[in-house]
Amino acid sequence: MSTAVHLAATGHGFLSPTGVEIAFLLVGIATFGAAVVTVTTKQLVHAALWLVVALGGLAVEYLLLTAEFIAWVQVLIYVGSVVVLLLFGLMLTKAPIGRSPDADSGNRPAALAVAVAAAAALVWVVVDAFRATWIDLDKGVQGSTAVSGESLFRYWVLPFEALSVLLLAALVGAIVLSRKKVEEKR
Protein backbone atom coordinates (compact mmCIF):
# COMPACT_ATOMS: atom_id res chain seq x y z
CA MET A 1 0.00 0.00 0.00
CA SER A 2 1.40 3.40 -0.92
CA THR A 3 2.12 6.03 1.72
CA ALA A 4 -0.58 8.43 0.50
CA VAL A 5 -3.24 5.70 0.52
CA HIS A 6 -2.10 4.57 3.97
CA LEU A 7 -2.23 8.13 5.32
CA ALA A 8 -5.68 8.64 3.81
CA ALA A 9 -6.88 5.39 5.32
CA THR A 10 -5.66 6.34 8.78
CA GLY A 11 -7.42 9.70 8.60
CA HIS A 12 -4.30 11.89 8.71
CA GLY A 13 -3.04 13.02 5.39
CA PHE A 14 -3.46 15.12 2.32
CA LEU A 15 -6.56 13.33 1.11
CA SER A 16 -8.52 13.78 4.33
CA PRO A 17 -8.05 17.29 5.71
CA THR A 18 -9.10 18.10 9.24
CA GLY A 19 -11.33 20.98 10.25
CA VAL A 20 -8.31 23.04 11.27
CA GLU A 21 -6.72 22.53 7.86
CA ILE A 22 -9.92 23.54 6.07
CA ALA A 23 -10.26 26.63 8.27
CA PHE A 24 -6.59 27.44 7.63
CA LEU A 25 -7.17 27.27 3.88
CA LEU A 26 -10.33 29.39 3.98
CA VAL A 27 -8.77 32.05 6.20
CA GLY A 28 -5.70 32.03 3.96
CA ILE A 29 -7.83 32.65 0.88
CA ALA A 30 -9.66 35.51 2.63
CA THR A 31 -6.36 36.98 3.81
CA PHE A 32 -4.90 36.76 0.32
CA GLY A 33 -7.98 38.48 -1.10
CA ALA A 34 -7.70 41.28 1.45
CA ALA A 35 -4.01 41.69 0.62
CA VAL A 36 -4.78 41.93 -3.09
CA VAL A 37 -7.44 44.57 -2.45
CA THR A 38 -4.97 46.42 -0.21
CA VAL A 39 -2.46 46.88 -3.00
CA THR A 40 -4.94 47.43 -5.83
CA THR A 41 -7.31 50.00 -4.36
CA LYS A 42 -6.83 53.63 -5.30
CA GLN A 43 -8.14 54.97 -1.99
CA LEU A 44 -5.39 55.17 0.61
CA VAL A 45 -7.64 54.99 3.66
CA HIS A 46 -9.45 51.97 2.24
CA ALA A 47 -6.06 50.37 1.60
CA ALA A 48 -5.15 50.88 5.26
CA LEU A 49 -8.43 49.35 6.38
CA TRP A 50 -8.00 46.35 4.07
CA LEU A 51 -4.53 46.00 5.56
CA VAL A 52 -6.24 45.57 8.94
CA VAL A 53 -8.26 42.69 7.47
CA ALA A 54 -5.16 41.08 5.95
CA LEU A 55 -3.12 41.38 9.15
CA GLY A 56 -6.07 40.15 11.21
CA GLY A 57 -6.29 37.13 8.92
CA LEU A 58 -2.64 36.41 9.60
CA ALA A 59 -3.37 36.54 13.32
CA VAL A 60 -6.14 33.98 12.84
CA GLU A 61 -3.70 31.79 10.92
CA TYR A 62 -1.30 31.94 13.87
CA LEU A 63 -4.14 30.95 16.20
CA LEU A 64 -4.91 27.98 13.98
CA LEU A 65 -1.24 26.97 14.20
CA THR A 66 -1.53 27.09 18.02
CA ALA A 67 0.82 30.06 18.28
CA GLU A 68 -1.39 32.18 20.52
CA PHE A 69 1.35 34.52 21.69
CA ILE A 70 2.44 35.34 18.14
CA ALA A 71 -1.20 35.87 17.16
CA TRP A 72 -1.76 38.43 19.92
CA VAL A 73 1.53 40.14 19.13
CA GLN A 74 0.34 40.35 15.52
CA VAL A 75 -2.92 41.95 16.63
CA LEU A 76 -1.38 44.36 19.13
CA ILE A 77 1.65 45.48 17.17
CA TYR A 78 0.64 45.28 13.53
CA VAL A 79 -3.11 45.69 13.56
CA GLY A 80 -3.16 47.99 16.56
CA SER A 81 -0.03 50.06 16.22
CA VAL A 82 1.31 49.98 12.69
CA VAL A 83 -2.03 50.52 10.99
CA VAL A 84 -2.93 53.30 13.43
CA LEU A 85 0.47 54.88 12.73
CA LEU A 86 -0.21 54.57 9.01
CA LEU A 87 -3.62 56.20 9.37
CA PHE A 88 -2.18 59.01 11.49
CA GLY A 89 0.52 59.49 8.87
CA LEU A 90 -2.14 59.77 6.19
CA MET A 91 -4.09 62.28 8.24
CA LEU A 92 -1.10 64.36 9.32
CA THR A 93 0.32 64.65 5.82
CA LYS A 94 -3.09 65.58 4.43
CA ALA A 95 -3.11 62.73 1.95
CA PRO A 96 -6.18 62.58 -0.30
CA ILE A 97 -9.04 60.73 1.37
CA GLY A 98 -10.98 59.79 -1.76
CA ARG A 99 -9.77 58.33 -5.02
CA SER A 100 -6.24 59.39 -5.76
CA PRO A 101 -5.09 59.55 -9.38
CA ASP A 102 -1.49 59.62 -8.14
CA ALA A 103 -1.91 56.18 -6.55
CA ASP A 104 -1.62 54.46 -9.93
CA SER A 105 1.59 54.85 -11.91
CA GLY A 106 0.53 52.81 -14.92
CA ASN A 107 3.19 50.16 -14.33
CA ARG A 108 0.74 47.49 -13.26
CA PRO A 109 1.88 44.85 -15.79
CA ALA A 110 5.52 45.23 -14.75
CA ALA A 111 4.58 45.24 -11.07
CA LEU A 112 2.45 42.13 -11.55
CA ALA A 113 5.29 40.35 -13.34
CA VAL A 114 7.75 41.21 -10.57
CA ALA A 115 5.25 40.18 -7.88
CA VAL A 116 4.53 36.83 -9.55
CA ALA A 117 8.24 36.15 -10.06
CA ALA A 118 9.04 37.04 -6.44
CA ALA A 119 6.16 34.92 -5.15
CA ALA A 120 7.21 31.97 -7.30
CA ALA A 121 10.80 32.25 -6.10
CA LEU A 122 9.67 32.49 -2.48
CA VAL A 123 7.36 29.48 -2.80
CA TRP A 124 10.10 27.47 -4.50
CA VAL A 125 12.65 28.29 -1.80
CA VAL A 126 10.27 27.56 1.08
CA VAL A 127 9.00 24.30 -0.43
CA ASP A 128 12.55 23.19 -1.19
CA ALA A 129 13.76 24.05 2.30
CA PHE A 130 10.86 22.48 4.20
CA ARG A 131 9.90 19.64 1.89
CA ALA A 132 10.03 16.93 4.55
CA THR A 133 9.07 19.06 7.56
CA TRP A 134 5.68 18.66 9.19
CA ILE A 135 4.18 20.75 11.96
CA ASP A 136 2.72 18.72 14.80
CA LEU A 137 -0.38 20.67 15.80
CA ASP A 138 -1.09 18.38 18.73
CA LYS A 139 2.14 19.23 20.55
CA GLY A 140 1.55 22.99 20.73
CA VAL A 141 4.92 24.10 22.14
CA GLN A 142 6.41 25.77 19.06
CA GLY A 143 4.36 28.94 19.39
CA SER A 144 4.40 29.08 23.16
CA THR A 145 5.37 32.24 24.98
CA ALA A 146 8.56 30.75 26.41
CA VAL A 147 9.90 29.50 23.07
CA SER A 148 8.89 32.64 21.18
CA GLY A 149 10.27 34.99 23.83
CA GLU A 150 13.55 33.13 24.03
CA SER A 151 13.94 33.22 20.25
CA LEU A 152 12.97 36.89 20.01
CA PHE A 153 15.21 38.20 22.76
CA ARG A 154 18.14 35.88 22.14
CA TYR A 155 18.46 35.90 18.35
CA TRP A 156 16.29 38.75 17.04
CA VAL A 157 16.97 41.64 19.43
CA LEU A 158 18.80 43.84 16.91
CA PRO A 159 16.16 43.61 14.13
CA PHE A 160 13.43 44.14 16.74
CA GLU A 161 15.09 47.33 17.99
CA ALA A 162 15.85 48.50 14.44
CA LEU A 163 12.16 48.18 13.61
CA SER A 164 11.21 50.25 16.65
CA VAL A 165 13.65 53.00 15.59
CA LEU A 166 12.24 52.89 12.05
CA LEU A 167 8.68 53.30 13.34
CA LEU A 168 9.77 56.17 15.58
CA ALA A 169 11.47 57.87 12.62
CA ALA A 170 8.30 57.49 10.54
CA LEU A 171 6.22 59.08 13.29
CA VAL A 172 8.66 61.97 13.72
CA GLY A 173 8.77 62.44 9.94
CA ALA A 174 4.99 62.65 9.74
CA ILE A 175 4.94 65.24 12.51
CA VAL A 176 7.67 67.29 10.81
CA LEU A 177 5.84 67.20 7.49
CA SER A 178 2.60 68.31 9.09
CA ARG A 179 4.33 71.16 10.97
CA LYS A 180 5.86 72.58 7.79
CA LYS A 181 2.46 72.86 6.18
CA VAL A 182 1.08 74.71 9.21
CA GLU A 183 4.00 77.17 9.20
CA GLU A 184 3.64 77.79 5.45
CA LYS A 185 0.04 78.93 5.94
CA ARG A 186 1.06 81.73 8.33
Foldseek 3Di string as FASTA:
>chain_A
DDPQVVCVVVQHHDVHDDPLVVVLVVLVVQLVVLQVCLLPAQFPLSSLVSVLSNLLSVLVNCVSLLLNVVSVCSCCPPNNPVSVLVVVLCVLLVPDRDGDPVSDPPCVVVVVVVVVVVVVVVVVVVCVVCVPPDRDSVVNPCNDPVNVVCCCVPPPVVVVVVVVVVSVVSSVVSNVSSVVVVVVVD
